[in-house]
Full PDB file with SEQRES, HELIX, SHEET, SSBOND, CRYST1, ORIGX, SCALE, CONECT and MASTER records, all heavy atoms in Angstrom:
SEQRES   1 A   36  LYS ILE ARG LEU SER ARG ARG LYS LYS ALA ILE ARG ASN          
SEQRES   2 A   36  ARG ARG ILE LEU TYR LEU VAL LEU VAL VAL ALA ILE ILE          
SEQRES   3 A   36  ILE ILE ILE ALA LEU VAL HIS GLN ILE ARG                      
HELIX    1 AA1 ILE A    2  ILE A   35  1                                  34    
CRYST1    1.000    1.000    1.000  90.00  90.00  90.00 P 1           1          
ORIGX1      1.000000  0.000000  0.000000        0.00000                         
ORIGX2      0.000000  1.000000  0.000000        0.00000                         
ORIGX3      0.000000  0.000000  1.000000        0.00000                         
SCALE1      1.000000  0.000000  0.000000        0.00000                         
SCALE2      0.000000  1.000000  0.000000        0.00000                         
SCALE3      0.000000  0.000000  1.000000        0.00000                         
ATOM      1  N   LYS A   1      49.206  -7.078 -20.664  1.00  0.00           N  
ATOM      2  CA  LYS A   1      49.762  -6.056 -19.774  1.00  0.00           C  
ATOM      3  C   LYS A   1      51.060  -5.505 -20.327  1.00  0.00           C  
ATOM      4  O   LYS A   1      51.336  -4.314 -20.245  1.00  0.00           O  
ATOM      5  CB  LYS A   1      50.003  -6.643 -18.386  1.00  0.00           C  
ATOM      6  CG  LYS A   1      48.728  -6.913 -17.600  1.00  0.00           C  
ATOM      7  CD  LYS A   1      49.061  -7.457 -16.221  1.00  0.00           C  
ATOM      8  CE  LYS A   1      47.785  -7.667 -15.400  1.00  0.00           C  
ATOM      9  NZ  LYS A   1      48.083  -8.177 -14.048  1.00  0.00           N  
ATOM     10  N   ILE A   2      51.879  -6.401 -20.940  1.00  0.00           N  
ATOM     11  CA  ILE A   2      53.156  -5.959 -21.517  1.00  0.00           C  
ATOM     12  C   ILE A   2      52.898  -4.994 -22.682  1.00  0.00           C  
ATOM     13  O   ILE A   2      53.528  -3.948 -22.791  1.00  0.00           O  
ATOM     14  CB  ILE A   2      53.979  -7.162 -21.983  1.00  0.00           C  
ATOM     15  CG1 ILE A   2      54.468  -7.957 -20.764  1.00  0.00           C  
ATOM     16  CG2 ILE A   2      55.175  -6.702 -22.827  1.00  0.00           C  
ATOM     17  CD1 ILE A   2      55.150  -9.267 -21.124  1.00  0.00           C  
ATOM     18  N   ARG A   3      51.929  -5.399 -23.547  1.00  0.00           N  
ATOM     19  CA  ARG A   3      51.606  -4.537 -24.671  1.00  0.00           C  
ATOM     20  C   ARG A   3      51.078  -3.184 -24.192  1.00  0.00           C  
ATOM     21  O   ARG A   3      51.394  -2.139 -24.739  1.00  0.00           O  
ATOM     22  CB  ARG A   3      50.583  -5.218 -25.590  1.00  0.00           C  
ATOM     23  CG  ARG A   3      51.191  -6.318 -26.463  1.00  0.00           C  
ATOM     24  CD  ARG A   3      50.242  -6.657 -27.601  1.00  0.00           C  
ATOM     25  NE  ARG A   3      49.023  -7.276 -27.103  1.00  0.00           N  
ATOM     26  CZ  ARG A   3      48.866  -8.592 -26.942  1.00  0.00           C  
ATOM     27  NH1 ARG A   3      49.846  -9.437 -27.239  1.00  0.00           N  
ATOM     28  NH2 ARG A   3      47.712  -9.070 -26.490  1.00  0.00           N  
ATOM     29  N   LEU A   4      50.230  -3.216 -23.143  1.00  0.00           N  
ATOM     30  CA  LEU A   4      49.676  -1.986 -22.591  1.00  0.00           C  
ATOM     31  C   LEU A   4      50.782  -1.095 -22.016  1.00  0.00           C  
ATOM     32  O   LEU A   4      50.806   0.115 -22.208  1.00  0.00           O  
ATOM     33  CB  LEU A   4      48.636  -2.312 -21.527  1.00  0.00           C  
ATOM     34  CG  LEU A   4      47.937  -1.102 -20.870  1.00  0.00           C  
ATOM     35  CD1 LEU A   4      47.187  -0.308 -21.941  1.00  0.00           C  
ATOM     36  CD2 LEU A   4      46.979  -1.579 -19.771  1.00  0.00           C  
ATOM     37  N   SER A   5      51.740  -1.764 -21.330  1.00  0.00           N  
ATOM     38  CA  SER A   5      52.857  -1.024 -20.747  1.00  0.00           C  
ATOM     39  C   SER A   5      53.718  -0.395 -21.833  1.00  0.00           C  
ATOM     40  O   SER A   5      54.130   0.761 -21.708  1.00  0.00           O  
ATOM     41  CB  SER A   5      53.714  -1.968 -19.892  1.00  0.00           C  
ATOM     42  OG  SER A   5      54.838  -1.305 -19.376  1.00  0.00           O  
ATOM     43  N   ARG A   6      53.968  -1.131 -22.897  1.00  0.00           N  
ATOM     44  CA  ARG A   6      54.750  -0.591 -24.017  1.00  0.00           C  
ATOM     45  C   ARG A   6      54.031   0.589 -24.669  1.00  0.00           C  
ATOM     46  O   ARG A   6      54.651   1.572 -25.049  1.00  0.00           O  
ATOM     47  CB  ARG A   6      55.014  -1.688 -25.044  1.00  0.00           C  
ATOM     48  CG  ARG A   6      56.028  -2.737 -24.587  1.00  0.00           C  
ATOM     49  CD  ARG A   6      56.157  -3.828 -25.612  1.00  0.00           C  
ATOM     50  NE  ARG A   6      57.171  -4.805 -25.205  1.00  0.00           N  
ATOM     51  CZ  ARG A   6      57.408  -5.945 -25.851  1.00  0.00           C  
ATOM     52  NH1 ARG A   6      56.681  -6.250 -26.934  1.00  0.00           N  
ATOM     53  NH2 ARG A   6      58.342  -6.777 -25.442  1.00  0.00           N  
ATOM     54  N   ARG A   7      52.710   0.439 -24.802  1.00  0.00           N  
ATOM     55  CA  ARG A   7      51.937   1.496 -25.420  1.00  0.00           C  
ATOM     56  C   ARG A   7      51.998   2.769 -24.578  1.00  0.00           C  
ATOM     57  O   ARG A   7      52.156   3.876 -25.101  1.00  0.00           O  
ATOM     58  CB  ARG A   7      50.474   1.050 -25.594  1.00  0.00           C  
ATOM     59  CG  ARG A   7      49.659   2.003 -26.481  1.00  0.00           C  
ATOM     60  CD  ARG A   7      48.236   1.505 -26.692  1.00  0.00           C  
ATOM     61  NE  ARG A   7      48.226   0.209 -27.346  1.00  0.00           N  
ATOM     62  CZ  ARG A   7      47.779  -0.918 -26.775  1.00  0.00           C  
ATOM     63  NH1 ARG A   7      47.282  -0.878 -25.536  1.00  0.00           N  
ATOM     64  NH2 ARG A   7      47.798  -2.052 -27.422  1.00  0.00           N  
ATOM     65  N   LYS A   8      51.891   2.581 -23.264  1.00  0.00           N  
ATOM     66  CA  LYS A   8      51.972   3.734 -22.353  1.00  0.00           C  
ATOM     67  C   LYS A   8      53.344   4.388 -22.445  1.00  0.00           C  
ATOM     68  O   LYS A   8      53.459   5.623 -22.442  1.00  0.00           O  
ATOM     69  CB  LYS A   8      51.695   3.293 -20.921  1.00  0.00           C  
ATOM     70  CG  LYS A   8      50.235   2.972 -20.639  1.00  0.00           C  
ATOM     71  CD  LYS A   8      50.045   2.575 -19.193  1.00  0.00           C  
ATOM     72  CE  LYS A   8      48.570   2.290 -18.888  1.00  0.00           C  
ATOM     73  NZ  LYS A   8      48.395   1.877 -17.470  1.00  0.00           N  
ATOM     74  N   LYS A   9      54.391   3.578 -22.504  1.00  0.00           N  
ATOM     75  CA  LYS A   9      55.745   4.114 -22.625  1.00  0.00           C  
ATOM     76  C   LYS A   9      55.908   4.897 -23.937  1.00  0.00           C  
ATOM     77  O   LYS A   9      56.519   5.959 -23.966  1.00  0.00           O  
ATOM     78  CB  LYS A   9      56.782   2.998 -22.549  1.00  0.00           C  
ATOM     79  CG  LYS A   9      56.977   2.428 -21.149  1.00  0.00           C  
ATOM     80  CD  LYS A   9      58.055   1.343 -21.162  1.00  0.00           C  
ATOM     81  CE  LYS A   9      58.271   0.787 -19.763  1.00  0.00           C  
ATOM     82  NZ  LYS A   9      59.298  -0.273 -19.729  1.00  0.00           N  
ATOM     83  N   ALA A  10      55.365   4.301 -25.006  1.00  0.00           N  
ATOM     84  CA  ALA A  10      55.478   4.970 -26.309  1.00  0.00           C  
ATOM     85  C   ALA A  10      54.760   6.315 -26.291  1.00  0.00           C  
ATOM     86  O   ALA A  10      55.257   7.323 -26.798  1.00  0.00           O  
ATOM     87  CB  ALA A  10      54.897   4.066 -27.406  1.00  0.00           C  
ATOM     88  N   ILE A  11      53.555   6.333 -25.671  1.00  0.00           N  
ATOM     89  CA  ILE A  11      52.795   7.582 -25.562  1.00  0.00           C  
ATOM     90  C   ILE A  11      53.558   8.595 -24.730  1.00  0.00           C  
ATOM     91  O   ILE A  11      53.674   9.777 -25.081  1.00  0.00           O  
ATOM     92  CB  ILE A  11      51.404   7.330 -24.960  1.00  0.00           C  
ATOM     93  CG1 ILE A  11      50.559   6.483 -25.941  1.00  0.00           C  
ATOM     94  CG2 ILE A  11      50.701   8.651 -24.633  1.00  0.00           C  
ATOM     95  CD1 ILE A  11      49.252   6.018 -25.342  1.00  0.00           C  
ATOM     96  N   ARG A  12      54.127   8.114 -23.617  1.00  0.00           N  
ATOM     97  CA  ARG A  12      54.908   9.001 -22.752  1.00  0.00           C  
ATOM     98  C   ARG A  12      56.125   9.555 -23.462  1.00  0.00           C  
ATOM     99  O   ARG A  12      56.436  10.739 -23.363  1.00  0.00           O  
ATOM    100  CB  ARG A  12      55.331   8.246 -21.482  1.00  0.00           C  
ATOM    101  CG  ARG A  12      56.077   9.123 -20.465  1.00  0.00           C  
ATOM    102  CD  ARG A  12      56.575   8.286 -19.328  1.00  0.00           C  
ATOM    103  NE  ARG A  12      57.553   7.304 -19.812  1.00  0.00           N  
ATOM    104  CZ  ARG A  12      58.063   6.314 -19.059  1.00  0.00           C  
ATOM    105  NH1 ARG A  12      57.663   6.181 -17.808  1.00  0.00           N  
ATOM    106  NH2 ARG A  12      58.934   5.482 -19.563  1.00  0.00           N  
ATOM    107  N   ASN A  13      56.811   8.692 -24.218  1.00  0.00           N  
ATOM    108  CA  ASN A  13      57.996   9.140 -24.946  1.00  0.00           C  
ATOM    109  C   ASN A  13      57.649  10.166 -26.016  1.00  0.00           C  
ATOM    110  O   ASN A  13      58.388  11.131 -26.238  1.00  0.00           O  
ATOM    111  CB  ASN A  13      58.709   7.942 -25.581  1.00  0.00           C  
ATOM    112  CG  ASN A  13      59.394   7.054 -24.548  1.00  0.00           C  
ATOM    113  OD1 ASN A  13      59.664   7.494 -23.412  1.00  0.00           O  
ATOM    114  ND2 ASN A  13      59.651   5.806 -24.914  1.00  0.00           N  
ATOM    115  N   ARG A  14      56.516   9.933 -26.679  1.00  0.00           N  
ATOM    116  CA  ARG A  14      56.075  10.898 -27.687  1.00  0.00           C  
ATOM    117  C   ARG A  14      55.753  12.239 -27.045  1.00  0.00           C  
ATOM    118  O   ARG A  14      56.062  13.301 -27.604  1.00  0.00           O  
ATOM    119  CB  ARG A  14      54.864  10.362 -28.453  1.00  0.00           C  
ATOM    120  CG  ARG A  14      55.203   9.307 -29.496  1.00  0.00           C  
ATOM    121  CD  ARG A  14      54.064   9.128 -30.492  1.00  0.00           C  
ATOM    122  NE  ARG A  14      52.882   8.596 -29.852  1.00  0.00           N  
ATOM    123  CZ  ARG A  14      52.608   7.293 -29.731  1.00  0.00           C  
ATOM    124  NH1 ARG A  14      53.463   6.399 -30.201  1.00  0.00           N  
ATOM    125  NH2 ARG A  14      51.498   6.907 -29.133  1.00  0.00           N  
ATOM    126  N   ARG A  15      55.119  12.186 -25.860  1.00  0.00           N  
ATOM    127  CA  ARG A  15      54.792  13.417 -25.155  1.00  0.00           C  
ATOM    128  C   ARG A  15      56.063  14.171 -24.746  1.00  0.00           C  
ATOM    129  O   ARG A  15      56.154  15.386 -24.878  1.00  0.00           O  
ATOM    130  CB  ARG A  15      53.947  13.124 -23.929  1.00  0.00           C  
ATOM    131  CG  ARG A  15      52.506  12.734 -24.263  1.00  0.00           C  
ATOM    132  CD  ARG A  15      51.743  12.354 -23.018  1.00  0.00           C  
ATOM    133  NE  ARG A  15      50.351  12.046 -23.337  1.00  0.00           N  
ATOM    134  CZ  ARG A  15      49.487  11.544 -22.457  1.00  0.00           C  
ATOM    135  NH1 ARG A  15      49.898  11.281 -21.201  1.00  0.00           N  
ATOM    136  NH2 ARG A  15      48.246  11.287 -22.813  1.00  0.00           N  
ATOM    137  N   ILE A  16      57.054  13.411 -24.267  1.00  0.00           N  
ATOM    138  CA  ILE A  16      58.319  14.019 -23.880  1.00  0.00           C  
ATOM    139  C   ILE A  16      59.010  14.649 -25.079  1.00  0.00           C  
ATOM    140  O   ILE A  16      59.499  15.785 -25.022  1.00  0.00           O  
ATOM    141  CB  ILE A  16      59.256  12.977 -23.209  1.00  0.00           C  
ATOM    142  CG1 ILE A  16      58.679  12.524 -21.855  1.00  0.00           C  
ATOM    143  CG2 ILE A  16      60.671  13.534 -23.035  1.00  0.00           C  
ATOM    144  CD1 ILE A  16      59.424  11.378 -21.225  1.00  0.00           C  
ATOM    145  N   LEU A  17      59.010  13.895 -26.203  1.00  0.00           N  
ATOM    146  CA  LEU A  17      59.621  14.413 -27.425  1.00  0.00           C  
ATOM    147  C   LEU A  17      58.909  15.665 -27.893  1.00  0.00           C  
ATOM    148  O   LEU A  17      59.549  16.652 -28.303  1.00  0.00           O  
ATOM    149  CB  LEU A  17      59.588  13.338 -28.520  1.00  0.00           C  
ATOM    150  CG  LEU A  17      60.158  13.740 -29.885  1.00  0.00           C  
ATOM    151  CD1 LEU A  17      61.637  14.135 -29.737  1.00  0.00           C  
ATOM    152  CD2 LEU A  17      60.007  12.603 -30.881  1.00  0.00           C  
ATOM    153  N   TYR A  18      57.589  15.636 -27.816  1.00  0.00           N  
ATOM    154  CA  TYR A  18      56.805  16.800 -28.211  1.00  0.00           C  
ATOM    155  C   TYR A  18      57.150  18.014 -27.352  1.00  0.00           C  
ATOM    156  O   TYR A  18      57.347  19.132 -27.861  1.00  0.00           O  
ATOM    157  CB  TYR A  18      55.313  16.475 -28.095  1.00  0.00           C  
ATOM    158  CG  TYR A  18      54.403  17.659 -28.347  1.00  0.00           C  
ATOM    159  CD1 TYR A  18      54.159  18.095 -29.650  1.00  0.00           C  
ATOM    160  CD2 TYR A  18      53.809  18.335 -27.280  1.00  0.00           C  
ATOM    161  CE1 TYR A  18      53.329  19.170 -29.881  1.00  0.00           C  
ATOM    162  CE2 TYR A  18      52.970  19.408 -27.521  1.00  0.00           C  
ATOM    163  CZ  TYR A  18      52.744  19.834 -28.814  1.00  0.00           C  
ATOM    164  OH  TYR A  18      51.930  20.904 -29.038  1.00  0.00           O  
ATOM    165  N   LEU A  19      57.236  17.800 -26.031  1.00  0.00           N  
ATOM    166  CA  LEU A  19      57.568  18.903 -25.126  1.00  0.00           C  
ATOM    167  C   LEU A  19      58.959  19.448 -25.409  1.00  0.00           C  
ATOM    168  O   LEU A  19      59.196  20.651 -25.396  1.00  0.00           O  
ATOM    169  CB  LEU A  19      57.482  18.421 -23.667  1.00  0.00           C  
ATOM    170  CG  LEU A  19      56.068  18.174 -23.131  1.00  0.00           C  
ATOM    171  CD1 LEU A  19      56.132  17.540 -21.745  1.00  0.00           C  
ATOM    172  CD2 LEU A  19      55.275  19.478 -23.084  1.00  0.00           C  
ATOM    173  N   VAL A  20      59.910  18.517 -25.696  1.00  0.00           N  
ATOM    174  CA  VAL A  20      61.277  18.941 -26.010  1.00  0.00           C  
ATOM    175  C   VAL A  20      61.291  19.796 -27.283  1.00  0.00           C  
ATOM    176  O   VAL A  20      61.953  20.834 -27.347  1.00  0.00           O  
ATOM    177  CB  VAL A  20      62.206  17.723 -26.177  1.00  0.00           C  
ATOM    178  CG1 VAL A  20      63.560  18.153 -26.767  1.00  0.00           C  
ATOM    179  CG2 VAL A  20      62.422  17.039 -24.842  1.00  0.00           C  
ATOM    180  N   LEU A  21      60.541  19.357 -28.284  1.00  0.00           N  
ATOM    181  CA  LEU A  21      60.469  20.112 -29.538  1.00  0.00           C  
ATOM    182  C   LEU A  21      59.841  21.483 -29.329  1.00  0.00           C  
ATOM    183  O   LEU A  21      60.310  22.485 -29.874  1.00  0.00           O  
ATOM    184  CB  LEU A  21      59.675  19.319 -30.582  1.00  0.00           C  
ATOM    185  CG  LEU A  21      60.356  18.069 -31.157  1.00  0.00           C  
ATOM    186  CD1 LEU A  21      59.393  17.295 -32.049  1.00  0.00           C  
ATOM    187  CD2 LEU A  21      61.595  18.461 -31.929  1.00  0.00           C  
ATOM    188  N   VAL A  22      58.779  21.530 -28.533  1.00  0.00           N  
ATOM    189  CA  VAL A  22      58.111  22.809 -28.257  1.00  0.00           C  
ATOM    190  C   VAL A  22      59.070  23.767 -27.556  1.00  0.00           C  
ATOM    191  O   VAL A  22      59.178  24.929 -27.922  1.00  0.00           O  
ATOM    192  CB  VAL A  22      56.852  22.587 -27.409  1.00  0.00           C  
ATOM    193  CG1 VAL A  22      56.311  23.933 -26.911  1.00  0.00           C  
ATOM    194  CG2 VAL A  22      55.774  21.861 -28.217  1.00  0.00           C  
ATOM    195  N   VAL A  23      59.777  23.236 -26.543  1.00  0.00           N  
ATOM    196  CA  VAL A  23      60.722  24.084 -25.796  1.00  0.00           C  
ATOM    197  C   VAL A  23      61.849  24.565 -26.727  1.00  0.00           C  
ATOM    198  O   VAL A  23      62.242  25.737 -26.700  1.00  0.00           O  
ATOM    199  CB  VAL A  23      61.340  23.308 -24.618  1.00  0.00           C  
ATOM    200  CG1 VAL A  23      62.486  24.091 -23.996  1.00  0.00           C  
ATOM    201  CG2 VAL A  23      60.266  23.022 -23.570  1.00  0.00           C  
ATOM    202  N   ALA A  24      62.349  23.662 -27.602  1.00  0.00           N  
ATOM    203  CA  ALA A  24      63.420  24.029 -28.529  1.00  0.00           C  
ATOM    204  C   ALA A  24      62.945  25.125 -29.490  1.00  0.00           C  
ATOM    205  O   ALA A  24      63.675  26.078 -29.771  1.00  0.00           O  
ATOM    206  CB  ALA A  24      63.881  22.805 -29.308  1.00  0.00           C  
ATOM    207  N   ILE A  25      61.722  24.984 -30.004  1.00  0.00           N  
ATOM    208  CA  ILE A  25      61.158  25.984 -30.915  1.00  0.00           C  
ATOM    209  C   ILE A  25      61.015  27.334 -30.214  1.00  0.00           C  
ATOM    210  O   ILE A  25      61.340  28.386 -30.785  1.00  0.00           O  
ATOM    211  CB  ILE A  25      59.805  25.506 -31.468  1.00  0.00           C  
ATOM    212  CG1 ILE A  25      60.004  24.316 -32.422  1.00  0.00           C  
ATOM    213  CG2 ILE A  25      59.096  26.647 -32.210  1.00  0.00           C  
ATOM    214  CD1 ILE A  25      58.736  23.631 -32.840  1.00  0.00           C  
ATOM    215  N   ILE A  26      60.554  27.303 -28.964  1.00  0.00           N  
ATOM    216  CA  ILE A  26      60.386  28.542 -28.197  1.00  0.00           C  
ATOM    217  C   ILE A  26      61.741  29.226 -28.007  1.00  0.00           C  
ATOM    218  O   ILE A  26      61.879  30.444 -28.168  1.00  0.00           O  
ATOM    219  CB  ILE A  26      59.728  28.254 -26.837  1.00  0.00           C  
ATOM    220  CG1 ILE A  26      58.271  27.835 -27.049  1.00  0.00           C  
ATOM    221  CG2 ILE A  26      59.811  29.499 -25.939  1.00  0.00           C  
ATOM    222  CD1 ILE A  26      57.585  27.373 -25.792  1.00  0.00           C  
ATOM    223  N   ILE A  27      62.779  28.423 -27.682  1.00  0.00           N  
ATOM    224  CA  ILE A  27      64.119  28.980 -27.473  1.00  0.00           C  
ATOM    225  C   ILE A  27      64.662  29.579 -28.768  1.00  0.00           C  
ATOM    226  O   ILE A  27      65.233  30.678 -28.776  1.00  0.00           O  
ATOM    227  CB  ILE A  27      65.084  27.877 -26.953  1.00  0.00           C  
ATOM    228  CG1 ILE A  27      64.687  27.475 -25.533  1.00  0.00           C  
ATOM    229  CG2 ILE A  27      66.540  28.376 -26.981  1.00  0.00           C  
ATOM    230  CD1 ILE A  27      65.476  26.296 -24.995  1.00  0.00           C  
ATOM    231  N   ILE A  28      64.482  28.868 -29.897  1.00  0.00           N  
ATOM    232  CA  ILE A  28      64.955  29.354 -31.187  1.00  0.00           C  
ATOM    233  C   ILE A  28      64.253  30.657 -31.546  1.00  0.00           C  
ATOM    234  O   ILE A  28      64.891  31.630 -32.010  1.00  0.00           O  
ATOM    235  CB  ILE A  28      64.733  28.298 -32.277  1.00  0.00           C  
ATOM    236  CG1 ILE A  28      65.672  27.097 -32.053  1.00  0.00           C  
ATOM    237  CG2 ILE A  28      64.980  28.891 -33.675  1.00  0.00           C  
ATOM    238  CD1 ILE A  28      65.388  25.918 -32.952  1.00  0.00           C  
ATOM    239  N   ILE A  29      62.939  30.702 -31.360  1.00  0.00           N  
ATOM    240  CA  ILE A  29      62.168  31.917 -31.665  1.00  0.00           C  
ATOM    241  C   ILE A  29      62.664  33.074 -30.807  1.00  0.00           C  
ATOM    242  O   ILE A  29      62.833  34.207 -31.295  1.00  0.00           O  
ATOM    243  CB  ILE A  29      60.659  31.690 -31.447  1.00  0.00           C  
ATOM    244  CG1 ILE A  29      60.124  30.708 -32.498  1.00  0.00           C  
ATOM    245  CG2 ILE A  29      59.906  33.007 -31.496  1.00  0.00           C  
ATOM    246  CD1 ILE A  29      58.679  30.302 -32.267  1.00  0.00           C  
ATOM    247  N   ALA A  30      62.926  32.798 -29.524  1.00  0.00           N  
ATOM    248  CA  ALA A  30      63.407  33.853 -28.621  1.00  0.00           C  
ATOM    249  C   ALA A  30      64.777  34.362 -29.055  1.00  0.00           C  
ATOM    250  O   ALA A  30      65.034  35.566 -29.028  1.00  0.00           O  
ATOM    251  CB  ALA A  30      63.465  33.310 -27.179  1.00  0.00           C  
ATOM    252  N   LEU A  31      65.656  33.436 -29.473  1.00  0.00           N  
ATOM    253  CA  LEU A  31      66.997  33.827 -29.915  1.00  0.00           C  
ATOM    254  C   LEU A  31      66.927  34.660 -31.195  1.00  0.00           C  
ATOM    255  O   LEU A  31      67.633  35.678 -31.320  1.00  0.00           O  
ATOM    256  CB  LEU A  31      67.856  32.588 -30.143  1.00  0.00           C  
ATOM    257  CG  LEU A  31      68.328  31.843 -28.890  1.00  0.00           C  
ATOM    258  CD1 LEU A  31      69.019  30.535 -29.282  1.00  0.00           C  
ATOM    259  CD2 LEU A  31      69.258  32.713 -28.059  1.00  0.00           C  
ATOM    260  N   VAL A  32      66.113  34.225 -32.145  1.00  0.00           N  
ATOM    261  CA  VAL A  32      65.951  34.974 -33.388  1.00  0.00           C  
ATOM    262  C   VAL A  32      65.415  36.374 -33.110  1.00  0.00           C  
ATOM    263  O   VAL A  32      65.863  37.356 -33.665  1.00  0.00           O  
ATOM    264  CB  VAL A  32      65.021  34.223 -34.356  1.00  0.00           C  
ATOM    265  CG1 VAL A  32      64.655  35.108 -35.552  1.00  0.00           C  
ATOM    266  CG2 VAL A  32      65.687  32.937 -34.856  1.00  0.00           C  
ATOM    267  N   HIS A  33      64.432  36.422 -32.206  1.00  0.00           N  
ATOM    268  CA  HIS A  33      63.855  37.726 -31.848  1.00  0.00           C  
ATOM    269  C   HIS A  33      64.897  38.640 -31.221  1.00  0.00           C  
ATOM    270  O   HIS A  33      64.970  39.833 -31.534  1.00  0.00           O  
ATOM    271  CB  HIS A  33      62.686  37.513 -30.884  1.00  0.00           C  
ATOM    272  CG  HIS A  33      62.075  38.799 -30.376  1.00  0.00           C  
ATOM    273  ND1 HIS A  33      61.276  39.592 -31.153  1.00  0.00           N  
ATOM    274  CD2 HIS A  33      62.189  39.430 -29.173  1.00  0.00           C  
ATOM    275  CE1 HIS A  33      60.894  40.641 -30.463  1.00  0.00           C  
ATOM    276  NE2 HIS A  33      61.445  40.569 -29.262  1.00  0.00           N  
ATOM    277  N   GLN A  34      65.732  38.064 -30.334  1.00  0.00           N  
ATOM    278  CA  GLN A  34      66.762  38.849 -29.675  1.00  0.00           C  
ATOM    279  C   GLN A  34      67.796  39.363 -30.658  1.00  0.00           C  
ATOM    280  O   GLN A  34      68.234  40.514 -30.601  1.00  0.00           O  
ATOM    281  CB  GLN A  34      67.455  37.990 -28.587  1.00  0.00           C  
ATOM    282  CG  GLN A  34      68.516  38.730 -27.791  1.00  0.00           C  
ATOM    283  CD  GLN A  34      67.944  39.872 -26.964  1.00  0.00           C  
ATOM    284  OE1 GLN A  34      66.760  39.859 -26.635  1.00  0.00           O  
ATOM    285  NE2 GLN A  34      68.771  40.850 -26.634  1.00  0.00           N  
ATOM    286  N   ILE A  35      68.218  38.488 -31.610  1.00  0.00           N  
ATOM    287  CA  ILE A  35      69.188  38.898 -32.622  1.00  0.00           C  
ATOM    288  C   ILE A  35      68.618  40.009 -33.497  1.00  0.00           C  
ATOM    289  O   ILE A  35      69.290  41.003 -33.784  1.00  0.00           O  
ATOM    290  CB  ILE A  35      69.593  37.687 -33.493  1.00  0.00           C  
ATOM    291  CG1 ILE A  35      70.424  36.702 -32.656  1.00  0.00           C  
ATOM    292  CG2 ILE A  35      70.398  38.128 -34.707  1.00  0.00           C  
ATOM    293  CD1 ILE A  35      70.692  35.379 -33.341  1.00  0.00           C  
ATOM    294  N   ARG A  36      67.351  39.846 -33.914  1.00  0.00           N  
ATOM    295  CA  ARG A  36      66.712  40.887 -34.731  1.00  0.00           C  
ATOM    296  C   ARG A  36      66.611  42.194 -33.954  1.00  0.00           C  
ATOM    297  O   ARG A  36      66.804  43.278 -34.518  1.00  0.00           O  
ATOM    298  CB  ARG A  36      65.321  40.414 -35.168  1.00  0.00           C  
ATOM    299  CG  ARG A  36      65.347  39.335 -36.251  1.00  0.00           C  
ATOM    300  CD  ARG A  36      63.942  38.890 -36.604  1.00  0.00           C  
ATOM    301  NE  ARG A  36      63.961  37.940 -37.702  1.00  0.00           N  
ATOM    302  CZ  ARG A  36      62.884  37.296 -38.140  1.00  0.00           C  
ATOM    303  NH1 ARG A  36      61.697  37.525 -37.554  1.00  0.00           N  
ATOM    304  NH2 ARG A  36      62.966  36.443 -39.134  1.00  0.00           N  
TER     305      ARG A  36                                                      
MASTER        0    0    0    1    0    0    0    6  304    1    0    3          
END                                                                             
């Protein structure tokens, strides 16, 4: 159960990190577009 819980946390953290990266990329693209 502990290993399963850790695995779930790791998956959740990766998903959060992925979402953060996606949002950051979208913001950067929007800023570059606005500057251009």
